[in-house]
Amino acid sequence: MPKRGFWSDTFEQLEDLGTTTARQTSQAVKSVTLGSLQKMLEEFTGSASATPQADKGIEKLEKGQVKQQNYTPLDVKKLEESYKKQEAQKISDVRQKLWRFFNLEKHEEKKAIDERKREEMERKRREEQEKEEKKRREKQAKQQNFVETPKGKERRSIFAPKKVRKRSQAETRAGSGKQ
C-alpha cells in the first residue's frame, strides 16, 4: 500500500467535513422550519400535544419551583468601600515611593553641592598655601643674597648729600693675569 502524503490526507478530510456539514445543515433547516410550522399549527388549532408542555411551565412558575438562584446578590456599597480601601492603599504606596525618590534626589543634590563647596575651599586653601610658600622662598632668597656692606663714615658734613654705597663686584682687567 503506497504512503499517502500530508496534502492528500488533508484534502480528503476537508471533503468529508464538507459533505457531513452539508447533510447536517439540510437536516437542521428541515427540522427548524418544519418544527416551527408544526408548533404554529398546534397553537392555532389548539391540539393536545402543545398544552402539557405549556401547562408545566406555567405550573412551575406558579408554584415557585423555578430554579433557585445559585448566587447571592451583590452588595454594591461593600464593593465600593473595598475598592476605595484598595485604591487608598495603592495611592499611599505610590506617595511613599515618590517621597523616597524625592528625598533621595534632594539628598544627592545636597551632597553634590557640599562636595563642590568643599573642593572650592580646598582649592582656595591650596592657593593661599602656595602664595605663602612663595613669599617665604623669596624672603629666604633675599636673605641669602643679601651681603651686608661695611659701615663707616658716610658723611663728613651735615650739609653734604647722603651717599649711598653700592655693592661693587671685584674688578678684573683683561690680560692682568700671569703670563
N, C-alpha and C. Protein backbone atom coordinates (compact mmCIF):
# COMPACT_ATOMS: atom_id res chain seq x y z
N MET A 1 0.84 -1.17 0.00
CA MET A 1 0.00 0.00 0.00
C MET A 1 0.90 1.24 0.00
N PRO A 2 0.69 2.15 -0.94
CA PRO A 2 1.56 3.33 -1.02
C PRO A 2 1.22 4.31 0.09
N LYS A 3 2.27 5.04 0.54
CA LYS A 3 2.07 6.04 1.60
C LYS A 3 1.36 7.25 1.00
N ARG A 4 0.49 7.78 1.77
CA ARG A 4 -0.21 8.98 1.32
C ARG A 4 0.52 10.21 1.89
N GLY A 5 0.49 11.27 1.15
CA GLY A 5 1.13 12.49 1.62
C GLY A 5 0.22 13.29 2.53
N PHE A 6 0.78 14.25 3.10
CA PHE A 6 0.06 15.13 4.04
C PHE A 6 -1.09 15.86 3.32
N TRP A 7 -0.79 16.36 2.12
CA TRP A 7 -1.78 17.15 1.40
C TRP A 7 -2.96 16.30 0.96
N SER A 8 -2.69 15.11 0.52
CA SER A 8 -3.80 14.26 0.06
C SER A 8 -4.71 13.92 1.23
N ASP A 9 -4.15 13.60 2.41
CA ASP A 9 -4.97 13.32 3.59
C ASP A 9 -5.78 14.55 3.98
N THR A 10 -5.20 15.70 3.90
CA THR A 10 -5.87 16.93 4.30
C THR A 10 -7.06 17.20 3.39
N PHE A 11 -6.85 17.04 2.09
CA PHE A 11 -7.93 17.29 1.16
C PHE A 11 -9.08 16.31 1.36
N GLU A 12 -8.76 15.05 1.63
CA GLU A 12 -9.81 14.06 1.88
C GLU A 12 -10.59 14.40 3.14
N GLN A 13 -9.89 14.83 4.17
CA GLN A 13 -10.56 15.20 5.41
C GLN A 13 -11.48 16.40 5.18
N LEU A 14 -11.01 17.38 4.40
CA LEU A 14 -11.84 18.54 4.11
C LEU A 14 -13.08 18.14 3.31
N GLU A 15 -12.91 17.23 2.39
CA GLU A 15 -14.04 16.77 1.58
C GLU A 15 -15.07 16.08 2.48
N ASP A 16 -14.62 15.21 3.37
CA ASP A 16 -15.53 14.53 4.28
C ASP A 16 -16.26 15.54 5.19
N LEU A 17 -15.52 16.50 5.68
CA LEU A 17 -16.11 17.52 6.53
C LEU A 17 -17.18 18.31 5.79
N GLY A 18 -16.91 18.65 4.54
CA GLY A 18 -17.88 19.40 3.74
C GLY A 18 -19.16 18.62 3.51
N THR A 19 -19.02 17.34 3.21
CA THR A 19 -20.23 16.54 2.95
C THR A 19 -21.05 16.37 4.22
N THR A 20 -20.41 16.09 5.35
CA THR A 20 -21.17 15.92 6.60
C THR A 20 -21.82 17.23 7.01
N THR A 21 -21.13 18.33 6.81
CA THR A 21 -21.70 19.63 7.17
C THR A 21 -22.92 19.93 6.31
N ALA A 22 -22.84 19.64 5.05
CA ALA A 22 -23.98 19.88 4.15
C ALA A 22 -25.17 19.05 4.58
N ARG A 23 -24.95 17.78 4.92
CA ARG A 23 -26.05 16.91 5.35
C ARG A 23 -26.68 17.44 6.64
N GLN A 24 -25.83 17.77 7.60
CA GLN A 24 -26.34 18.22 8.89
C GLN A 24 -27.09 19.55 8.76
N THR A 25 -26.59 20.43 7.90
CA THR A 25 -27.25 21.72 7.70
C THR A 25 -28.63 21.53 7.11
N SER A 26 -28.72 20.69 6.10
CA SER A 26 -30.02 20.47 5.46
C SER A 26 -31.00 19.86 6.46
N GLN A 27 -30.54 18.94 7.28
CA GLN A 27 -31.43 18.31 8.26
C GLN A 27 -31.86 19.34 9.31
N ALA A 28 -30.95 20.22 9.73
CA ALA A 28 -31.29 21.23 10.72
C ALA A 28 -32.30 22.22 10.17
N VAL A 29 -32.14 22.61 8.91
CA VAL A 29 -33.08 23.55 8.29
C VAL A 29 -34.46 22.92 8.21
N LYS A 30 -34.50 21.64 7.81
CA LYS A 30 -35.80 20.95 7.71
C LYS A 30 -36.47 20.89 9.07
N SER A 31 -35.71 20.51 10.09
CA SER A 31 -36.32 20.36 11.42
C SER A 31 -36.79 21.70 11.97
N VAL A 32 -36.01 22.75 11.74
CA VAL A 32 -36.38 24.07 12.26
C VAL A 32 -37.62 24.58 11.55
N THR A 33 -37.59 24.53 10.24
CA THR A 33 -38.74 25.07 9.51
C THR A 33 -39.98 24.22 9.73
N LEU A 34 -39.83 22.91 9.63
CA LEU A 34 -40.98 22.05 9.83
C LEU A 34 -41.44 22.07 11.27
N GLY A 35 -40.48 22.10 12.20
CA GLY A 35 -40.83 22.14 13.62
C GLY A 35 -41.57 23.40 13.98
N SER A 36 -41.11 24.54 13.44
CA SER A 36 -41.78 25.80 13.74
C SER A 36 -43.16 25.85 13.11
N LEU A 37 -43.29 25.30 11.90
CA LEU A 37 -44.60 25.26 11.26
C LEU A 37 -45.54 24.36 12.06
N GLN A 38 -45.00 23.25 12.52
CA GLN A 38 -45.80 22.30 13.28
C GLN A 38 -46.28 22.96 14.58
N LYS A 39 -45.41 23.69 15.27
CA LYS A 39 -45.79 24.35 16.51
C LYS A 39 -46.86 25.40 16.25
N MET A 40 -46.68 26.18 15.17
CA MET A 40 -47.66 27.21 14.85
C MET A 40 -49.03 26.59 14.58
N LEU A 41 -49.01 25.47 13.87
CA LEU A 41 -50.27 24.79 13.59
C LEU A 41 -50.90 24.27 14.87
N GLU A 42 -50.09 23.73 15.76
CA GLU A 42 -50.61 23.20 17.01
C GLU A 42 -51.19 24.31 17.87
N GLU A 43 -50.52 25.45 17.91
CA GLU A 43 -51.05 26.57 18.68
C GLU A 43 -52.34 27.09 18.08
N PHE A 44 -52.35 27.15 16.75
CA PHE A 44 -53.54 27.67 16.06
C PHE A 44 -54.75 26.76 16.25
N THR A 45 -54.45 25.48 16.11
CA THR A 45 -55.56 24.53 16.23
C THR A 45 -55.85 24.20 17.68
N GLY A 46 -54.84 24.42 18.57
CA GLY A 46 -55.03 24.12 19.98
C GLY A 46 -55.00 22.64 20.23
N SER A 47 -54.10 21.95 19.61
CA SER A 47 -54.01 20.50 19.76
C SER A 47 -53.51 20.15 21.15
N ALA A 48 -53.68 18.93 21.56
CA ALA A 48 -53.38 18.47 22.90
C ALA A 48 -51.89 18.32 23.16
N SER A 49 -51.09 18.18 22.13
CA SER A 49 -49.66 17.94 22.34
C SER A 49 -48.94 19.19 22.84
N ALA A 50 -49.46 20.40 22.55
CA ALA A 50 -48.79 21.63 22.95
C ALA A 50 -49.18 22.06 24.35
N THR A 51 -50.31 21.71 24.82
CA THR A 51 -50.77 22.20 26.11
C THR A 51 -50.03 21.60 27.29
N PRO A 52 -49.67 20.31 27.31
CA PRO A 52 -48.99 19.83 28.50
C PRO A 52 -47.67 20.54 28.75
N GLN A 53 -46.93 20.82 27.71
CA GLN A 53 -45.64 21.49 27.91
C GLN A 53 -45.85 22.92 28.42
N ALA A 54 -46.77 23.63 27.85
CA ALA A 54 -47.04 25.00 28.28
C ALA A 54 -47.59 25.00 29.70
N ASP A 55 -48.46 24.00 29.99
CA ASP A 55 -49.05 23.93 31.32
C ASP A 55 -47.98 23.65 32.38
N LYS A 56 -47.02 22.81 32.04
CA LYS A 56 -45.95 22.50 33.01
C LYS A 56 -45.16 23.76 33.35
N GLY A 57 -44.82 24.56 32.34
CA GLY A 57 -44.07 25.80 32.57
C GLY A 57 -44.84 26.76 33.43
N ILE A 58 -46.15 26.88 33.17
CA ILE A 58 -46.98 27.80 33.95
C ILE A 58 -47.12 27.29 35.37
N GLU A 59 -47.29 26.01 35.51
CA GLU A 59 -47.41 25.43 36.85
C GLU A 59 -46.15 25.66 37.68
N LYS A 60 -45.00 25.48 37.03
CA LYS A 60 -43.73 25.69 37.76
C LYS A 60 -43.60 27.14 38.21
N LEU A 61 -43.98 28.05 37.34
CA LEU A 61 -43.90 29.45 37.72
C LEU A 61 -44.85 29.75 38.88
N GLU A 62 -46.02 29.19 38.82
CA GLU A 62 -47.00 29.45 39.86
C GLU A 62 -46.56 28.86 41.19
N LYS A 63 -46.00 27.68 41.15
CA LYS A 63 -45.60 27.02 42.39
C LYS A 63 -44.30 27.59 42.96
N GLY A 64 -43.55 28.31 42.16
CA GLY A 64 -42.28 28.84 42.62
C GLY A 64 -41.20 27.80 42.62
N GLN A 65 -41.40 26.78 41.80
CA GLN A 65 -40.41 25.73 41.72
C GLN A 65 -39.32 26.07 40.70
N VAL A 66 -39.34 27.27 40.27
CA VAL A 66 -38.29 27.69 39.35
C VAL A 66 -36.97 27.60 40.09
N LYS A 67 -35.95 27.26 39.38
CA LYS A 67 -34.63 27.05 40.00
C LYS A 67 -34.23 28.23 40.86
N GLN A 68 -33.81 27.94 42.05
CA GLN A 68 -33.36 28.98 42.96
C GLN A 68 -32.05 29.57 42.44
N GLN A 69 -31.81 30.80 42.83
CA GLN A 69 -30.58 31.46 42.38
C GLN A 69 -29.38 30.80 43.05
N ASN A 70 -28.34 30.61 42.27
CA ASN A 70 -27.12 29.98 42.77
C ASN A 70 -26.11 31.00 43.29
N TYR A 71 -26.55 32.22 43.45
CA TYR A 71 -25.63 33.27 43.91
C TYR A 71 -26.36 34.20 44.85
N THR A 72 -25.57 34.92 45.60
CA THR A 72 -26.16 35.93 46.48
C THR A 72 -26.10 37.27 45.76
N PRO A 73 -27.02 38.12 45.98
CA PRO A 73 -26.99 39.42 45.30
C PRO A 73 -25.78 40.22 45.77
N LEU A 74 -25.24 41.01 44.86
CA LEU A 74 -24.06 41.81 45.17
C LEU A 74 -24.42 42.98 46.07
N ASP A 75 -23.55 43.21 47.04
CA ASP A 75 -23.70 44.39 47.88
C ASP A 75 -22.76 45.45 47.31
N VAL A 76 -23.31 46.36 46.56
CA VAL A 76 -22.52 47.35 45.83
C VAL A 76 -21.78 48.27 46.79
N LYS A 77 -22.40 48.62 47.90
CA LYS A 77 -21.75 49.53 48.85
C LYS A 77 -20.48 48.90 49.42
N LYS A 78 -20.58 47.61 49.75
CA LYS A 78 -19.39 46.93 50.28
C LYS A 78 -18.28 46.88 49.23
N LEU A 79 -18.68 46.60 47.98
CA LEU A 79 -17.68 46.57 46.91
C LEU A 79 -17.00 47.93 46.75
N GLU A 80 -17.80 48.99 46.76
CA GLU A 80 -17.23 50.33 46.62
C GLU A 80 -16.26 50.63 47.76
N GLU A 81 -16.65 50.27 48.97
CA GLU A 81 -15.77 50.50 50.12
C GLU A 81 -14.47 49.73 50.00
N SER A 82 -14.57 48.47 49.59
CA SER A 82 -13.34 47.66 49.47
C SER A 82 -12.45 48.21 48.36
N TYR A 83 -13.07 48.65 47.24
CA TYR A 83 -12.27 49.24 46.17
C TYR A 83 -11.62 50.54 46.63
N LYS A 84 -12.34 51.33 47.41
CA LYS A 84 -11.76 52.58 47.91
C LYS A 84 -10.57 52.29 48.83
N LYS A 85 -10.72 51.27 49.68
CA LYS A 85 -9.61 50.89 50.56
C LYS A 85 -8.39 50.45 49.76
N GLN A 86 -8.63 49.62 48.73
CA GLN A 86 -7.52 49.15 47.90
C GLN A 86 -6.86 50.32 47.18
N GLU A 87 -7.67 51.23 46.64
CA GLU A 87 -7.11 52.38 45.93
C GLU A 87 -6.34 53.28 46.90
N ALA A 88 -6.89 53.46 48.09
CA ALA A 88 -6.20 54.29 49.08
C ALA A 88 -4.84 53.68 49.44
N GLN A 89 -4.81 52.37 49.59
CA GLN A 89 -3.54 51.70 49.89
C GLN A 89 -2.54 51.89 48.75
N LYS A 90 -3.02 51.71 47.51
CA LYS A 90 -2.13 51.89 46.35
C LYS A 90 -1.64 53.32 46.27
N ILE A 91 -2.52 54.27 46.52
CA ILE A 91 -2.14 55.68 46.46
C ILE A 91 -1.09 55.99 47.52
N SER A 92 -1.29 55.47 48.73
CA SER A 92 -0.32 55.73 49.78
C SER A 92 1.03 55.09 49.45
N ASP A 93 1.02 53.90 48.85
CA ASP A 93 2.27 53.27 48.44
C ASP A 93 3.00 54.12 47.40
N VAL A 94 2.25 54.60 46.42
CA VAL A 94 2.86 55.44 45.37
C VAL A 94 3.40 56.72 45.97
N ARG A 95 2.65 57.32 46.91
CA ARG A 95 3.12 58.54 47.56
C ARG A 95 4.43 58.30 48.32
N GLN A 96 4.48 57.17 49.03
CA GLN A 96 5.71 56.87 49.78
C GLN A 96 6.88 56.68 48.83
N LYS A 97 6.65 55.98 47.71
CA LYS A 97 7.74 55.78 46.75
C LYS A 97 8.21 57.11 46.18
N LEU A 98 7.24 57.97 45.81
CA LEU A 98 7.61 59.27 45.28
C LEU A 98 8.34 60.11 46.34
N TRP A 99 7.90 60.05 47.60
CA TRP A 99 8.55 60.81 48.67
C TRP A 99 9.98 60.33 48.86
N ARG A 100 10.16 58.99 48.85
CA ARG A 100 11.52 58.45 48.99
C ARG A 100 12.39 58.90 47.83
N PHE A 101 11.85 58.82 46.62
CA PHE A 101 12.61 59.23 45.44
C PHE A 101 12.96 60.71 45.53
N PHE A 102 11.98 61.53 45.94
CA PHE A 102 12.22 62.97 46.06
C PHE A 102 13.30 63.25 47.10
N ASN A 103 13.21 62.60 48.26
CA ASN A 103 14.22 62.79 49.30
C ASN A 103 15.58 62.31 48.84
N LEU A 104 15.61 61.20 48.13
CA LEU A 104 16.88 60.69 47.62
C LEU A 104 17.50 61.68 46.65
N GLU A 105 16.68 62.23 45.76
CA GLU A 105 17.19 63.22 44.81
C GLU A 105 17.70 64.45 45.53
N LYS A 106 16.94 64.94 46.52
CA LYS A 106 17.37 66.12 47.27
C LYS A 106 18.67 65.83 48.02
N HIS A 107 18.76 64.63 48.58
CA HIS A 107 19.96 64.24 49.31
C HIS A 107 21.16 64.22 48.37
N GLU A 108 20.98 63.62 47.20
CA GLU A 108 22.07 63.58 46.22
C GLU A 108 22.45 64.98 45.77
N GLU A 109 21.45 65.83 45.57
CA GLU A 109 21.71 67.20 45.15
C GLU A 109 22.50 67.94 46.23
N LYS A 110 22.08 67.81 47.47
CA LYS A 110 22.76 68.46 48.58
C LYS A 110 24.19 67.95 48.72
N LYS A 111 24.35 66.64 48.53
CA LYS A 111 25.68 66.03 48.61
C LYS A 111 26.60 66.62 47.54
N ALA A 112 26.07 66.76 46.32
CA ALA A 112 26.87 67.31 45.22
C ALA A 112 27.25 68.76 45.50
N ILE A 113 26.32 69.54 46.03
CA ILE A 113 26.61 70.94 46.34
C ILE A 113 27.67 71.03 47.42
N ASP A 114 27.53 70.22 48.47
CA ASP A 114 28.53 70.21 49.54
C ASP A 114 29.91 69.80 49.02
N GLU A 115 29.92 68.83 48.13
CA GLU A 115 31.19 68.37 47.53
C GLU A 115 31.85 69.50 46.75
N ARG A 116 31.05 70.24 45.96
CA ARG A 116 31.60 71.37 45.20
C ARG A 116 32.16 72.44 46.13
N LYS A 117 31.41 72.76 47.18
CA LYS A 117 31.88 73.77 48.14
C LYS A 117 33.19 73.33 48.78
N ARG A 118 33.24 72.06 49.17
CA ARG A 118 34.45 71.55 49.81
C ARG A 118 35.64 71.62 48.85
N GLU A 119 35.42 71.25 47.60
CA GLU A 119 36.50 71.31 46.60
C GLU A 119 36.95 72.75 46.39
N GLU A 120 36.00 73.69 46.36
CA GLU A 120 36.34 75.10 46.17
C GLU A 120 37.17 75.62 47.35
N MET A 121 36.76 75.25 48.56
CA MET A 121 37.51 75.68 49.74
C MET A 121 38.91 75.06 49.75
N GLU A 122 38.99 73.80 49.37
CA GLU A 122 40.29 73.12 49.30
C GLU A 122 41.20 73.79 48.27
N ARG A 123 40.64 74.18 47.14
CA ARG A 123 41.42 74.85 46.09
C ARG A 123 41.92 76.20 46.59
N LYS A 124 41.05 76.98 47.26
CA LYS A 124 41.47 78.29 47.79
C LYS A 124 42.56 78.13 48.85
N ARG A 125 42.40 77.13 49.71
CA ARG A 125 43.39 76.89 50.75
C ARG A 125 44.74 76.55 50.13
N ARG A 126 44.72 75.71 49.09
CA ARG A 126 45.98 75.35 48.42
C ARG A 126 46.63 76.58 47.79
N GLU A 127 45.81 77.45 47.16
CA GLU A 127 46.36 78.66 46.54
C GLU A 127 47.00 79.56 47.60
N GLU A 128 46.34 79.71 48.74
CA GLU A 128 46.90 80.53 49.81
C GLU A 128 48.21 79.94 50.34
N GLN A 129 48.24 78.62 50.49
CA GLN A 129 49.48 77.97 50.94
C GLN A 129 50.59 78.18 49.93
N GLU A 130 50.25 78.09 48.64
CA GLU A 130 51.27 78.30 47.61
C GLU A 130 51.80 79.74 47.65
N LYS A 131 50.91 80.71 47.85
CA LYS A 131 51.35 82.10 47.94
C LYS A 131 52.27 82.30 49.14
N GLU A 132 51.87 81.75 50.28
CA GLU A 132 52.70 81.87 51.48
C GLU A 132 54.05 81.19 51.28
N GLU A 133 54.06 80.05 50.65
CA GLU A 133 55.31 79.33 50.38
C GLU A 133 56.19 80.15 49.44
N LYS A 134 55.58 80.76 48.46
CA LYS A 134 56.34 81.57 47.50
C LYS A 134 56.96 82.78 48.21
N LYS A 135 56.18 83.45 49.07
CA LYS A 135 56.70 84.59 49.83
C LYS A 135 57.85 84.16 50.73
N ARG A 136 57.67 83.02 51.38
CA ARG A 136 58.71 82.53 52.27
C ARG A 136 59.99 82.24 51.48
N ARG A 137 59.84 81.61 50.30
CA ARG A 137 61.04 81.32 49.48
C ARG A 137 61.72 82.60 49.02
N GLU A 138 60.91 83.60 48.61
CA GLU A 138 61.50 84.87 48.17
C GLU A 138 62.25 85.54 49.32
N LYS A 139 61.65 85.52 50.50
CA LYS A 139 62.30 86.13 51.66
C LYS A 139 63.60 85.42 51.98
N GLN A 140 63.56 84.08 51.90
CA GLN A 140 64.77 83.29 52.18
C GLN A 140 65.84 83.57 51.12
N ALA A 141 65.41 83.71 49.88
CA ALA A 141 66.38 84.00 48.81
C ALA A 141 67.00 85.39 49.01
N LYS A 142 66.23 86.36 49.44
CA LYS A 142 66.75 87.70 49.70
C LYS A 142 67.78 87.66 50.83
N GLN A 143 67.47 86.89 51.86
CA GLN A 143 68.42 86.83 52.98
C GLN A 143 69.72 86.17 52.56
N GLN A 144 69.65 85.20 51.70
CA GLN A 144 70.88 84.53 51.26
C GLN A 144 71.68 85.43 50.33
N ASN A 145 71.01 86.17 49.47
CA ASN A 145 71.71 87.02 48.51
C ASN A 145 72.19 88.34 49.14
N PHE A 146 71.59 88.71 50.20
CA PHE A 146 71.94 89.98 50.82
C PHE A 146 73.25 89.85 51.58
N VAL A 147 74.23 90.66 51.16
CA VAL A 147 75.51 90.70 51.85
C VAL A 147 75.63 92.11 52.45
N GLU A 148 75.91 92.14 53.70
CA GLU A 148 75.99 93.45 54.35
C GLU A 148 77.24 94.20 53.90
N THR A 149 77.02 95.44 53.64
CA THR A 149 78.17 96.29 53.25
C THR A 149 78.79 96.86 54.52
N PRO A 150 80.07 97.04 54.49
CA PRO A 150 80.71 97.60 55.68
C PRO A 150 80.22 99.01 55.96
N LYS A 151 80.08 99.30 57.22
CA LYS A 151 79.59 100.62 57.60
C LYS A 151 80.77 101.45 58.09
N GLY A 152 80.76 102.65 57.71
CA GLY A 152 81.81 103.59 58.13
C GLY A 152 81.25 104.99 58.06
N LYS A 153 82.16 105.97 58.05
CA LYS A 153 81.68 107.32 57.94
C LYS A 153 81.17 107.52 56.54
N GLU A 154 79.99 108.04 56.43
CA GLU A 154 79.44 108.26 55.11
C GLU A 154 79.40 109.76 54.81
N ARG A 155 79.15 110.55 55.79
CA ARG A 155 79.05 111.98 55.54
C ARG A 155 80.10 112.69 56.38
N ARG A 156 80.61 113.72 55.82
CA ARG A 156 81.57 114.50 56.56
C ARG A 156 80.92 115.73 57.14
N SER A 157 79.85 116.16 56.49
CA SER A 157 79.21 117.40 56.93
C SER A 157 77.71 117.16 56.92
N ILE A 158 77.05 117.95 57.68
CA ILE A 158 75.61 117.80 57.71
C ILE A 158 74.98 118.39 56.46
N PHE A 159 75.71 119.22 55.74
CA PHE A 159 75.18 119.83 54.52
C PHE A 159 75.47 118.99 53.29
N ALA A 160 76.30 118.01 53.41
CA ALA A 160 76.65 117.17 52.25
C ALA A 160 75.52 116.18 51.99
N PRO A 161 75.28 115.93 50.74
CA PRO A 161 74.23 114.95 50.44
C PRO A 161 74.63 113.56 50.91
N LYS A 162 73.65 112.80 51.20
CA LYS A 162 73.88 111.46 51.71
C LYS A 162 74.37 110.59 50.57
N LYS A 163 75.41 109.81 50.83
CA LYS A 163 75.97 108.93 49.82
C LYS A 163 75.45 107.53 50.05
N VAL A 164 75.05 106.94 48.99
CA VAL A 164 74.56 105.57 49.09
C VAL A 164 75.63 104.68 48.50
N ARG A 165 76.05 103.74 49.27
CA ARG A 165 77.08 102.84 48.79
C ARG A 165 76.45 101.75 47.95
N LYS A 166 77.04 101.45 46.89
CA LYS A 166 76.58 100.38 46.04
C LYS A 166 77.51 99.21 46.21
N ARG A 167 76.96 98.09 46.08
CA ARG A 167 77.81 96.91 46.14
C ARG A 167 78.64 96.86 44.88
N SER A 168 79.81 96.58 45.08
CA SER A 168 80.68 96.52 43.90
C SER A 168 81.27 95.13 43.81
N GLN A 169 81.39 94.71 42.59
CA GLN A 169 81.98 93.40 42.37
C GLN A 169 83.48 93.58 42.14
N ALA A 170 84.18 92.54 42.32
CA ALA A 170 85.61 92.62 42.12
C ALA A 170 85.89 92.91 40.65
N GLU A 171 86.81 93.89 40.45
CA GLU A 171 87.11 94.23 39.07
C GLU A 171 88.21 93.34 38.55
N THR A 172 88.05 93.00 37.32
CA THR A 172 89.11 92.20 36.67
C THR A 172 89.51 92.92 35.41
N ARG A 173 90.83 92.98 35.19
CA ARG A 173 91.31 93.60 33.97
C ARG A 173 91.73 92.50 33.02
N ALA A 174 91.46 92.79 31.81
CA ALA A 174 91.84 91.82 30.79
C ALA A 174 93.36 91.80 30.66
N GLY A 175 93.90 90.65 30.64
CA GLY A 175 95.34 90.49 30.46
C GLY A 175 96.15 90.82 31.69
N SER A 176 95.57 90.86 32.87
CA SER A 176 96.32 91.20 34.06
C SER A 176 96.79 89.95 34.79
N GLY A 177 96.51 88.81 34.24
CA GLY A 177 96.90 87.59 34.91
C GLY A 177 98.34 87.21 34.59
N LYS A 178 98.81 86.14 35.09
CA LYS A 178 100.18 85.68 34.84
C LYS A 178 100.31 85.30 33.39
N GLN A 179 101.50 85.61 32.90
CA GLN A 179 101.72 85.27 31.51
C GLN A 179 102.84 84.30 31.36
